[in-house]
PDB file of N, CA and C in Angstrom:
ATOM      1  N   MET A   1      -5.129 -19.438   9.896  1.00  0.00           N
ATOM      2  CA  MET A   1      -5.537 -19.500   8.448  1.00  0.00           C
ATOM      3  C   MET A   1      -6.745 -20.605   8.453  1.00  0.00           C
ATOM      4  N   GLY A   2      -6.500 -21.778   9.071  1.00  0.00           N
ATOM      5  CA  GLY A   2      -7.298 -22.896   8.952  1.00  0.00           C
ATOM      6  C   GLY A   2      -8.784 -22.445   9.612  1.00  0.00           C
ATOM      7  N   ILE A   3      -8.629 -21.938  10.829  1.00  0.00           N
ATOM      8  CA  ILE A   3      -9.834 -21.503  11.588  1.00  0.00           C
ATOM      9  C   ILE A   3     -10.661 -20.528  10.663  1.00  0.00           C
ATOM     10  N   ALA A   4      -9.969 -19.608  10.084  1.00  0.00           N
ATOM     11  CA  ALA A   4     -10.768 -18.515   9.188  1.00  0.00           C
ATOM     12  C   ALA A   4     -11.316 -19.335   8.223  1.00  0.00           C
ATOM     13  N   MET A   5     -10.601 -20.121   7.563  1.00  0.00           N
ATOM     14  CA  MET A   5     -11.216 -20.804   6.339  1.00  0.00           C
ATOM     15  C   MET A   5     -12.474 -21.544   6.654  1.00  0.00           C
ATOM     16  N   ALA A   6     -12.383 -22.149   7.831  1.00  0.00           N
ATOM     17  CA  ALA A   6     -13.442 -22.976   8.315  1.00  0.00           C
ATOM     18  C   ALA A   6     -14.879 -22.071   8.741  1.00  0.00           C
ATOM     19  N   THR A   7     -14.611 -20.903   9.066  1.00  0.00           N
ATOM     20  CA  THR A   7     -15.664 -20.169   9.697  1.00  0.00           C
ATOM     21  C   THR A   7     -16.222 -18.899   8.595  1.00  0.00           C
ATOM     22  N   THR A   8     -15.458 -18.640   7.576  1.00  0.00           N
ATOM     23  CA  THR A   8     -15.834 -17.591   6.889  1.00  0.00           C
ATOM     24  C   THR A   8     -15.391 -17.988   5.249  1.00  0.00           C
ATOM     25  N   THR A   9     -15.479 -17.166   4.541  1.00  0.00           N
ATOM     26  CA  THR A   9     -15.324 -17.107   3.019  1.00  0.00           C
ATOM     27  C   THR A   9     -13.715 -17.174   2.839  1.00  0.00           C
ATOM     28  N   GLN A  10     -13.422 -17.743   1.723  1.00  0.00           N
ATOM     29  CA  GLN A  10     -11.755 -17.669   1.528  1.00  0.00           C
ATOM     30  C   GLN A  10     -11.241 -16.300   1.205  1.00  0.00           C
ATOM     31  N   ASP A  11     -12.108 -15.433   0.672  1.00  0.00           N
ATOM     32  CA  ASP A  11     -11.628 -14.089   0.515  1.00  0.00           C
ATOM     33  C   ASP A  11     -11.449 -13.424   1.856  1.00  0.00           C
ATOM     34  N   ASN A  12     -12.395 -13.643   2.777  1.00  0.00           N
ATOM     35  CA  ASN A  12     -12.351 -12.919   4.116  1.00  0.00           C
ATOM     36  C   ASN A  12     -11.270 -13.579   4.907  1.00  0.00           C
ATOM     37  N   ALA A  13     -11.033 -14.875   4.803  1.00  0.00           N
ATOM     38  CA  ALA A  13      -9.856 -15.545   5.504  1.00  0.00           C
ATOM     39  C   ALA A  13      -8.544 -15.059   5.095  1.00  0.00           C
ATOM     40  N   LEU A  14      -8.403 -14.816   3.636  1.00  0.00           N
ATOM     41  CA  LEU A  14      -7.079 -14.078   3.107  1.00  0.00           C
ATOM     42  C   LEU A  14      -7.047 -12.721   3.668  1.00  0.00           C
ATOM     43  N   TYR A  15      -7.925 -11.777   3.785  1.00  0.00           N
ATOM     44  CA  TYR A  15      -7.937 -10.475   4.222  1.00  0.00           C
ATOM     45  C   TYR A  15      -7.521 -10.499   5.801  1.00  0.00           C
ATOM     46  N   ILE A  16      -8.156 -11.452   6.567  1.00  0.00           N
ATOM     47  CA  ILE A  16      -7.794 -11.603   7.962  1.00  0.00           C
ATOM     48  C   ILE A  16      -6.354 -11.976   8.216  1.00  0.00           C
ATOM     49  N   HIS A  17      -5.858 -13.054   7.189  1.00  0.00           N
ATOM     50  CA  HIS A  17      -4.499 -13.548   7.348  1.00  0.00           C
ATOM     51  C   HIS A  17      -3.489 -12.322   6.994  1.00  0.00           C
ATOM     52  N   ALA A  18      -3.704 -11.580   5.889  1.00  0.00           N
ATOM     53  CA  ALA A  18      -2.996 -10.380   5.638  1.00  0.00           C
ATOM     54  C   ALA A  18      -2.935  -9.351   6.600  1.00  0.00           C
ATOM     55  N   VAL A  19      -3.911  -9.210   7.620  1.00  0.00           N
ATOM     56  CA  VAL A  19      -4.002  -8.235   8.550  1.00  0.00           C
ATOM     57  C   VAL A  19      -3.261  -8.760   9.762  1.00  0.00           C
ATOM     58  N   LEU A  20      -3.680  -9.966  10.141  1.00  0.00           N
ATOM     59  CA  LEU A  20      -3.126 -10.625  11.433  1.00  0.00           C
ATOM     60  C   LEU A  20      -1.568 -11.080  11.405  1.00  0.00           C
ATOM     61  N   ALA A  21      -1.238 -11.339  10.214  1.00  0.00           N
ATOM     62  CA  ALA A  21       0.271 -11.982  10.153  1.00  0.00           C
ATOM     63  C   ALA A  21       1.325 -10.835  10.467  1.00  0.00           C
ATOM     64  N   PRO A  22       1.086  -9.535   9.996  1.00  0.00           N
ATOM     65  CA  PRO A  22       2.023  -8.641  10.607  1.00  0.00           C
ATOM     66  C   PRO A  22       1.769  -8.199  11.913  1.00  0.00           C
ATOM     67  N   VAL A  23       0.511  -8.212  12.489  1.00  0.00           N
ATOM     68  CA  VAL A  23       0.295  -7.916  13.932  1.00  0.00           C
ATOM     69  C   VAL A  23       1.130  -8.934  14.730  1.00  0.00           C
ATOM     70  N   PHE A  24       0.899 -10.069  14.451  1.00  0.00           N
ATOM     71  CA  PHE A  24       1.587 -11.091  15.075  1.00  0.00           C
ATOM     72  C   PHE A  24       3.174 -11.038  15.201  1.00  0.00           C
ATOM     73  N   PHE A  25       3.676 -10.789  14.005  1.00  0.00           N
ATOM     74  CA  PHE A  25       4.996 -10.539  13.968  1.00  0.00           C
ATOM     75  C   PHE A  25       5.618  -9.359  14.466  1.00  0.00           C
ATOM     76  N   SER A  26       4.878  -8.308  14.620  1.00  0.00           N
ATOM     77  CA  SER A  26       5.257  -7.020  15.280  1.00  0.00           C
ATOM     78  C   SER A  26       5.303  -7.386  16.771  1.00  0.00           C
ATOM     79  N   ALA A  27       4.364  -8.262  17.229  1.00  0.00           N
ATOM     80  CA  ALA A  27       4.458  -8.553  18.760  1.00  0.00           C
ATOM     81  C   ALA A  27       5.615  -9.527  18.958  1.00  0.00           C
ATOM     82  N   VAL A  28       6.006 -10.491  18.186  1.00  0.00           N
ATOM     83  CA  VAL A  28       7.067 -11.311  18.225  1.00  0.00           C
ATOM     84  C   VAL A  28       8.398 -10.596  18.134  1.00  0.00           C
ATOM     85  N   SER A  29       8.543  -9.836  17.185  1.00  0.00           N
ATOM     86  CA  SER A  29       9.740  -8.969  17.092  1.00  0.00           C
ATOM     87  C   SER A  29      10.046  -7.975  18.144  1.00  0.00           C
ATOM     88  N   LEU A  30       8.911  -7.363  18.595  1.00  0.00           N
ATOM     89  CA  LEU A  30       8.930  -6.532  19.783  1.00  0.00           C
ATOM     90  C   LEU A  30       9.532  -7.314  20.938  1.00  0.00           C
ATOM     91  N   ASN A  31       9.087  -8.402  21.119  1.00  0.00           N
ATOM     92  CA  ASN A  31       9.731  -9.129  22.353  1.00  0.00           C
ATOM     93  C   ASN A  31      11.186  -9.620  21.950  1.00  0.00           C
ATOM     94  N   TYR A  32      11.463  -9.903  20.801  1.00  0.00           N
ATOM     95  CA  TYR A  32      12.808 -10.147  20.412  1.00  0.00           C
ATOM     96  C   TYR A  32      13.669  -9.254  20.550  1.00  0.00           C
ATOM     97  N   PHE A  33      13.387  -7.990  20.006  1.00  0.00           N
ATOM     98  CA  PHE A  33      14.080  -6.911  20.130  1.00  0.00           C
ATOM     99  C   PHE A  33      14.548  -6.279  21.372  1.00  0.00           C
ATOM    100  N   ARG A  34      13.641  -6.454  22.344  1.00  0.00           N
ATOM    101  CA  ARG A  34      13.827  -5.993  23.891  1.00  0.00           C
ATOM    102  C   ARG A  34      15.000  -6.620  24.472  1.00  0.00           C
ATOM    103  N   THR A  35      15.460  -7.673  23.887  1.00  0.00           N
ATOM    104  CA  THR A  35      16.586  -8.569  24.534  1.00  0.00           C
ATOM    105  C   THR A  35      17.803  -7.726  24.041  1.00  0.00           C
ATOM    106  N   ASP A  36      19.057  -7.941  24.651  1.00  0.00           N
ATOM    107  CA  ASP A  36      20.398  -7.324  24.374  1.00  0.00           C
ATOM    108  C   ASP A  36      21.031  -8.011  23.262  1.00  0.00           C
ATOM    109  N   ASN A  37      20.889  -9.304  23.027  1.00  0.00           N
ATOM    110  CA  ASN A  37      21.607  -9.960  22.067  1.00  0.00           C
ATOM    111  C   ASN A  37      20.582 -10.042  20.770  1.00  0.00           C
ATOM    112  N   HIS A  38      20.729  -9.316  19.680  1.00  0.00           N
ATOM    113  CA  HIS A  38      19.754  -9.572  18.611  1.00  0.00           C
ATOM    114  C   HIS A  38      20.515  -8.997  17.307  1.00  0.00           C
ATOM    115  N   LEU A  39      19.941  -9.577  16.318  1.00  0.00           N
ATOM    116  CA  LEU A  39      20.404  -9.125  15.082  1.00  0.00           C
ATOM    117  C   LEU A  39      19.977  -7.948  14.604  1.00  0.00           C
ATOM    118  N   THR A  40      20.535  -7.309  13.637  1.00  0.00           N
ATOM    119  CA  THR A  40      20.058  -5.870  13.143  1.00  0.00           C
ATOM    120  C   THR A  40      18.543  -5.900  12.622  1.00  0.00           C
ATOM    121  N   PRO A  41      17.811  -5.037  12.652  1.00  0.00           N
ATOM    122  CA  PRO A  41      16.455  -5.105  12.179  1.00  0.00           C
ATOM    123  C   PRO A  41      16.278  -5.648  10.685  1.00  0.00           C
ATOM    124  N   LEU A  42      17.213  -5.375   9.913  1.00  0.00           N
ATOM    125  CA  LEU A  42      17.216  -5.771   8.466  1.00  0.00           C
ATOM    126  C   LEU A  42      17.341  -7.351   8.480  1.00  0.00           C
ATOM    127  N   ARG A  43      18.396  -7.822   9.257  1.00  0.00           N
ATOM    128  CA  ARG A  43      18.711  -9.201   9.185  1.00  0.00           C
ATOM    129  C   ARG A  43      17.496 -10.136   9.988  1.00  0.00           C
ATOM    130  N   THR A  44      16.871  -9.455  10.933  1.00  0.00           N
ATOM    131  CA  THR A  44      15.832 -10.093  11.662  1.00  0.00           C
ATOM    132  C   THR A  44      14.635 -10.194  10.747  1.00  0.00           C
ATOM    133  N   ALA A  45      14.345  -9.179  10.025  1.00  0.00           N
ATOM    134  CA  ALA A  45      13.219  -9.262   9.173  1.00  0.00           C
ATOM    135  C   ALA A  45      13.585 -10.200   8.104  1.00  0.00           C
ATOM    136  N   PHE A  46      14.765 -10.316   7.338  1.00  0.00           N
ATOM    137  CA  PHE A  46      15.040 -11.282   6.620  1.00  0.00           C
ATOM    138  C   PHE A  46      14.859 -12.771   7.186  1.00  0.00           C
ATOM    139  N   ALA A  47      15.235 -12.944   8.459  1.00  0.00           N
ATOM    140  CA  ALA A  47      15.264 -14.176   9.037  1.00  0.00           C
ATOM    141  C   ALA A  47      13.848 -14.542   9.368  1.00  0.00           C
ATOM    142  N   PHE A  48      13.068 -13.667   9.819  1.00  0.00           N
ATOM    143  CA  PHE A  48      11.648 -13.987  10.244  1.00  0.00           C
ATOM    144  C   PHE A  48      10.791 -14.452   8.863  1.00  0.00           C
ATOM    145  N   THR A  49      11.038 -13.610   7.930  1.00  0.00           N
ATOM    146  CA  THR A  49      10.492 -13.778   6.643  1.00  0.00           C
ATOM    147  C   THR A  49      10.699 -14.918   6.045  1.00  0.00           C
ATOM    148  N   SER A  50      12.081 -15.268   6.022  1.00  0.00           N
ATOM    149  CA  SER A  50      12.508 -16.552   5.347  1.00  0.00           C
ATOM    150  C   SER A  50      11.848 -17.747   5.922  1.00  0.00           C
ATOM    151  N   PHE A  51      11.719 -17.712   7.441  1.00  0.00           N
ATOM    152  CA  PHE A  51      11.090 -18.730   8.108  1.00  0.00           C
ATOM    153  C   PHE A  51       9.715 -18.906   7.787  1.00  0.00           C
ATOM    154  N   VAL A  52       9.119 -18.130   7.498  1.00  0.00           N
ATOM    155  CA  VAL A  52       7.786 -18.150   7.080  1.00  0.00           C
ATOM    156  C   VAL A  52       7.592 -18.702   5.675  1.00  0.00           C
ATOM    157  N   ILE A  53       8.515 -18.219   4.837  1.00  0.00           N
ATOM    158  CA  ILE A  53       8.405 -18.696   3.408  1.00  0.00           C
ATOM    159  C   ILE A  53       8.680 -20.260   3.344  1.00  0.00           C
ATOM    160  N   PHE A  54       9.941 -20.585   4.178  1.00  0.00           N
ATOM    161  CA  PHE A  54      10.168 -22.038   4.293  1.00  0.00           C
ATOM    162  C   PHE A  54       9.086 -22.950   4.750  1.00  0.00           C
ATOM    163  N   VAL A  55       8.407 -22.435   5.830  1.00  0.00           N
ATOM    164  CA  VAL A  55       7.306 -23.249   6.419  1.00  0.00           C
ATOM    165  C   VAL A  55       6.236 -23.230   5.473  1.00  0.00           C
ATOM    166  N   ASP A  56       5.792 -22.246   4.636  1.00  0.00           N
ATOM    167  CA  ASP A  56       4.890 -22.204   3.778  1.00  0.00           C
ATOM    168  C   ASP A  56       5.073 -23.254   2.573  1.00  0.00           C
ATOM    169  N   PHE A  57       6.388 -22.959   2.133  1.00  0.00           N
ATOM    170  CA  PHE A  57       6.675 -23.847   1.079  1.00  0.00           C
ATOM    171  C   PHE A  57       6.743 -25.431   1.249  1.00  0.00           C
ATOM    172  N   PHE A  58       7.604 -25.655   2.412  1.00  0.00           N
ATOM    173  CA  PHE A  58       7.813 -27.191   2.522  1.00  0.00           C
ATOM    174  C   PHE A  58       6.706 -27.825   3.421  1.00  0.00           C
ATOM    175  N   VAL A  59       6.217 -27.124   4.304  1.00  0.00           N
ATOM    176  CA  VAL A  59       5.181 -27.642   5.297  1.00  0.00           C
ATOM    177  C   VAL A  59       3.785 -27.563   4.662  1.00  0.00           C
ATOM    178  N   VAL A  60       3.365 -26.409   4.460  1.00  0.00           N
ATOM    179  CA  VAL A  60       1.991 -26.092   3.811  1.00  0.00           C
ATOM    180  C   VAL A  60       1.836 -26.705   2.404  1.00  0.00           C
ATOM    181  N   ALA A  61       2.614 -26.110   1.507  1.00  0.00           N
ATOM    182  CA  ALA A  61       2.295 -26.314   0.033  1.00  0.00           C
ATOM    183  C   ALA A  61       2.732 -27.849  -0.327  1.00  0.00           C
ATOM    184  N   LEU A  62       3.959 -28.164   0.058  1.00  0.00           N
ATOM    185  CA  LEU A  62       4.391 -29.635  -0.370  1.00  0.00           C
ATOM    186  C   LEU A  62       3.875 -30.533   0.556  1.00  0.00           C
ATOM    187  N   LEU A  63       3.864 -30.534   1.673  1.00  0.00           N
ATOM    188  CA  LEU A  63       3.300 -31.676   2.631  1.00  0.00           C
ATOM    189  C   LEU A  63       1.806 -31.683   2.884  1.00  0.00           C
ATOM    190  N   LEU A  64       1.042 -30.421   3.162  1.00  0.00           N
ATOM    191  CA  LEU A  64      -0.205 -30.441   3.353  1.00  0.00           C
ATOM    192  C   LEU A  64      -1.043 -30.430   2.359  1.00  0.00           C
ATOM    193  N   LEU A  65      -0.650 -29.473   1.379  1.00  0.00           N
ATOM    194  CA  LEU A  65      -1.596 -29.182   0.103  1.00  0.00           C
ATOM    195  C   LEU A  65      -1.218 -29.967  -1.110  1.00  0.00           C
ATOM    196  N   GLN A  66      -0.055 -30.439  -1.174  1.00  0.00           N
ATOM    197  CA  GLN A  66       0.742 -31.153  -2.155  1.00  0.00           C
ATOM    198  C   GLN A  66       0.616 -30.456  -3.470  1.00  0.00           C
ATOM    199  N   ASN A  67       0.644 -29.135  -3.425  1.00  0.00           N
ATOM    200  CA  ASN A  67       0.864 -28.362  -4.685  1.00  0.00           C
ATOM    201  C   ASN A  67       1.327 -27.026  -4.312  1.00  0.00           C
ATOM    202  N   LEU A  68       1.734 -26.238  -5.300  1.00  0.00           N
ATOM    203  CA  LEU A  68       2.282 -24.927  -5.155  1.00  0.00           C
ATOM    204  C   LEU A  68       1.117 -23.813  -5.619  1.00  0.00           C
ATOM    205  N   ASP A  69       0.076 -24.133  -5.692  1.00  0.00           N
ATOM    206  CA  ASP A  69      -0.966 -23.053  -6.189  1.00  0.00           C
ATOM    207  C   ASP A  69      -1.195 -21.934  -5.141  1.00  0.00           C
ATOM    208  N   MET A  70      -0.950 -22.044  -3.905  1.00  0.00           N
ATOM    209  CA  MET A  70      -0.861 -21.096  -2.909  1.00  0.00           C
ATOM    210  C   MET A  70      -0.065 -19.864  -3.283  1.00  0.00           C
ATOM    211  N   PHE A  71       1.129 -20.147  -4.025  1.00  0.00           N
ATOM    212  CA  PHE A  71       2.022 -19.026  -4.361  1.00  0.00           C
ATOM    213  C   PHE A  71       1.357 -18.122  -5.556  1.00  0.00           C
ATOM    214  N   SER A  72       0.463 -18.603  -6.171  1.00  0.00           N
ATOM    215  CA  SER A  72       0.003 -17.683  -7.219  1.00  0.00           C
ATOM    216  C   SER A  72      -0.995 -16.675  -6.615  1.00  0.00           C
ATOM    217  N   SER A  73      -1.222 -16.840  -5.479  1.00  0.00           N
ATOM    218  CA  SER A  73      -2.228 -15.810  -4.672  1.00  0.00           C
ATOM    219  C   SER A  73      -1.449 -14.657  -4.108  1.00  0.00           C
ATOM    220  N   VAL A  74      -1.556 -13.541  -4.659  1.00  0.00           N
ATOM    221  CA  VAL A  74      -0.779 -12.363  -4.060  1.00  0.00           C
ATOM    222  C   VAL A  74      -1.233 -12.082  -2.781  1.00  0.00           C
ATOM    223  N   LEU A  75      -2.593 -11.986  -2.502  1.00  0.00           N
ATOM    224  CA  LEU A  75      -3.261 -11.569  -1.414  1.00  0.00           C
ATOM    225  C   LEU A  75      -2.810 -12.840  -0.155  1.00  0.00           C
ATOM    226  N   GLY A  76      -2.816 -14.071  -0.701  1.00  0.00           N
ATOM    227  CA  GLY A  76      -2.542 -15.211  -0.051  1.00  0.00           C
ATOM    228  C   GLY A  76      -1.226 -15.466   0.639  1.00  0.00           C
ATOM    229  N   THR A  77      -0.122 -15.045  -0.146  1.00  0.00           N
ATOM    230  CA  THR A  77       1.058 -15.257   0.303  1.00  0.00           C
ATOM    231  C   THR A  77       1.953 -13.857   0.218  1.00  0.00           C
ATOM    232  N   TRP A  78       2.051 -13.357  -0.983  1.00  0.00           N
ATOM    233  CA  TRP A  78       3.003 -12.330  -1.224  1.00  0.00           C
ATOM    234  C   TRP A  78       2.865 -11.139  -0.341  1.00  0.00           C
ATOM    235  N   ILE A  79       1.574 -10.633  -0.235  1.00  0.00           N
ATOM    236  CA  ILE A  79       1.305  -9.473   0.632  1.00  0.00           C
ATOM    237  C   ILE A  79       1.770  -9.736   1.979  1.00  0.00           C
ATOM    238  N   PRO A  80       1.222 -10.953   2.587  1.00  0.00           N
ATOM    239  CA  PRO A  80       1.647 -11.251   4.004  1.00  0.00           C
ATOM    240  C   PRO A  80       3.206 -11.285   4.219  1.00  0.00           C
ATOM    241  N   PHE A  81       3.986 -11.860   3.162  1.00  0.00           N
ATOM    242  CA  PHE A  81       5.411 -11.879   3.369  1.00  0.00           C
ATOM    243  C   PHE A  81       5.984 -10.530   3.393  1.00  0.00           C
ATOM    244  N   VAL A  82       5.508  -9.536   2.433  1.00  0.00           N
ATOM    245  CA  VAL A  82       5.956  -8.337   2.505  1.00  0.00           C
ATOM    246  C   VAL A  82       5.626  -7.505   3.964  1.00  0.00           C
ATOM    247  N   LEU A  83       4.436  -7.650   4.323  1.00  0.00           N
ATOM    248  CA  LEU A  83       3.991  -7.051   5.610  1.00  0.00           C
ATOM    249  C   LEU A  83       4.659  -7.588   6.845  1.00  0.00           C
ATOM    250  N   ILE A  84       5.033  -8.985   6.760  1.00  0.00           N
ATOM    251  CA  ILE A  84       5.691  -9.554   7.851  1.00  0.00           C
ATOM    252  C   ILE A  84       7.220  -8.843   7.828  1.00  0.00           C
ATOM    253  N   PHE A  85       7.655  -8.908   6.662  1.00  0.00           N
ATOM    254  CA  PHE A  85       9.082  -8.191   6.606  1.00  0.00           C
ATOM    255  C   PHE A  85       8.877  -6.756   7.117  1.00  0.00           C
ATOM    256  N   LEU A  86       8.327  -6.039   6.666  1.00  0.00           N
ATOM    257  CA  LEU A  86       7.966  -4.584   6.917  1.00  0.00           C
ATOM    258  C   LEU A  86       7.757  -4.233   8.385  1.00  0.00           C
ATOM    259  N   SER A  87       6.923  -5.097   9.130  1.00  0.00           N
ATOM    260  CA  SER A  87       6.471  -5.053  10.490  1.00  0.00           C
ATOM    261  C   SER A  87       7.709  -5.447  11.311  1.00  0.00           C
ATOM    262  N   THR A  88       8.365  -6.463  11.004  1.00  0.00           N
ATOM    263  CA  THR A  88       9.460  -6.953  11.853  1.00  0.00           C
ATOM    264  C   THR A  88      10.657  -5.826  11.626  1.00  0.00           C
ATOM    265  N   TYR A  89      10.833  -5.297  10.537  1.00  0.00           N
ATOM    266  CA  TYR A  89      11.973  -4.395  10.267  1.00  0.00           C
ATOM    267  C   TYR A  89      11.551  -2.943  10.854  1.00  0.00           C
ATOM    268  N   LEU A  90      10.385  -2.599  10.756  1.00  0.00           N
ATOM    269  CA  LEU A  90      10.005  -1.110  11.499  1.00  0.00           C
ATOM    270  C   LEU A  90       9.885  -1.274  12.880  1.00  0.00           C
ATOM    271  N   THR A  91       9.560  -2.380  13.542  1.00  0.00           N
ATOM    272  CA  THR A  91       9.646  -2.725  14.838  1.00  0.00           C
ATOM    273  C   THR A  91      11.097  -2.530  15.446  1.00  0.00           C
ATOM    274  N   GLY A  92      11.984  -3.246  14.671  1.00  0.00           N
ATOM    275  CA  GLY A  92      13.418  -3.266  15.145  1.00  0.00           C
ATOM    276  C   GLY A  92      13.973  -1.863  15.133  1.00  0.00           C
ATOM    277  N   ILE A  93      13.483  -1.074  13.941  1.00  0.00           N
ATOM    278  CA  ILE A  93      13.956   0.365  13.961  1.00  0.00           C
ATOM    279  C   ILE A  93      13.445   1.198  15.129  1.00  0.00           C
ATOM    280  N   GLY A  94      12.216   0.893  15.328  1.00  0.00           N
ATOM    281  CA  GLY A  94      11.589   1.717  16.437  1.00  0.00           C
ATOM    282  C   GLY A  94      12.178   1.450  17.796  1.00  0.00           C
ATOM    283  N   VAL A  95      12.439   0.178  18.151  1.00  0.00           N
ATOM    284  CA  VAL A  95      13.013  -0.141  19.441  1.00  0.00           C
ATOM    285  C   VAL A  95      14.358   0.305  19.462  1.00  0.00           C
ATOM    286  N   ASN A  96      15.186   0.194  18.393  1.00  0.00           N
ATOM    287  CA  ASN A  96      16.599   0.905  18.485  1.00  0.00           C
ATOM    288  C   ASN A  96      16.610   2.205  18.589  1.00  0.00           C
ATOM    289  N   TYR A  97      15.679   2.975  17.868  1.00  0.00           N
ATOM    290  CA  TYR A  97      15.588   4.240  18.020  1.00  0.00           C
ATOM    291  C   TYR A  97      15.302   4.711  19.505  1.00  0.00           C
ATOM    292  N   LYS A  98      14.269   4.018  20.044  1.00  0.00           N
ATOM    293  CA  LYS A  98      13.962   4.324  21.489  1.00  0.00           C
ATOM    294  C   LYS A  98      15.056   4.043  22.432  1.00  0.00           C
ATOM    295  N   ARG A  99      15.954   2.989  22.245  1.00  0.00           N
ATOM    296  CA  ARG A  99      17.110   2.506  23.100  1.00  0.00           C
ATOM    297  C   ARG A  99      18.132   3.560  22.865  1.00  0.00           C
ATOM    298  N   THR A 100      18.420   4.076  21.616  1.00  0.00           N
ATOM    299  CA  THR A 100      19.502   5.034  21.398  1.00  0.00           C
ATOM    300  C   THR A 100      19.076   6.434  21.966  1.00  0.00           C
ATOM    301  N   ALA A 101      17.685   6.826  21.849  1.00  0.00           N
ATOM    302  CA  ALA A 101      17.328   8.069  22.462  1.00  0.00           C
ATOM    303  C   ALA A 101      17.337   8.141  23.851  1.00  0.00           C
ATOM    304  N   ALA A 102      17.172   6.985  24.483  1.00  0.00           N
ATOM    305  CA  ALA A 102      17.167   6.849  26.003  1.00  0.00           C
ATOM    306  C   ALA A 102      18.628   6.931  26.667  1.00  0.00           C
ATOM    307  N   ALA A 103      19.659   6.588  25.646  1.00  0.00           N
ATOM    308  CA  ALA A 103      21.034   6.489  26.228  1.00  0.00           C
ATOM    309  C   ALA A 103      21.673   7.808  26.133  1.00  0.00           C
TER     310      ALA A 103
END
């Protein structure tokens, strides 16, 4: 997000963030779900999204920005949170379906 903010407008940076966040978490969750010991897709989606919310709240908002204004932006926070959750959950469903179909 910091690189995008430094190289383009704030709106463009928010759009880039909203697109790349679920892409990144799809890749991370794909790697995660390929292991044998994992949580269910729903629990994993909650865990990943909770981690992002925790970091955004405590590190970004409170420590770096020292205000909670970022949470008033639907495009800046809430849409990426939902897309991270959905991309993780759907990746888990897809990997589990593929694993079940192959068995």
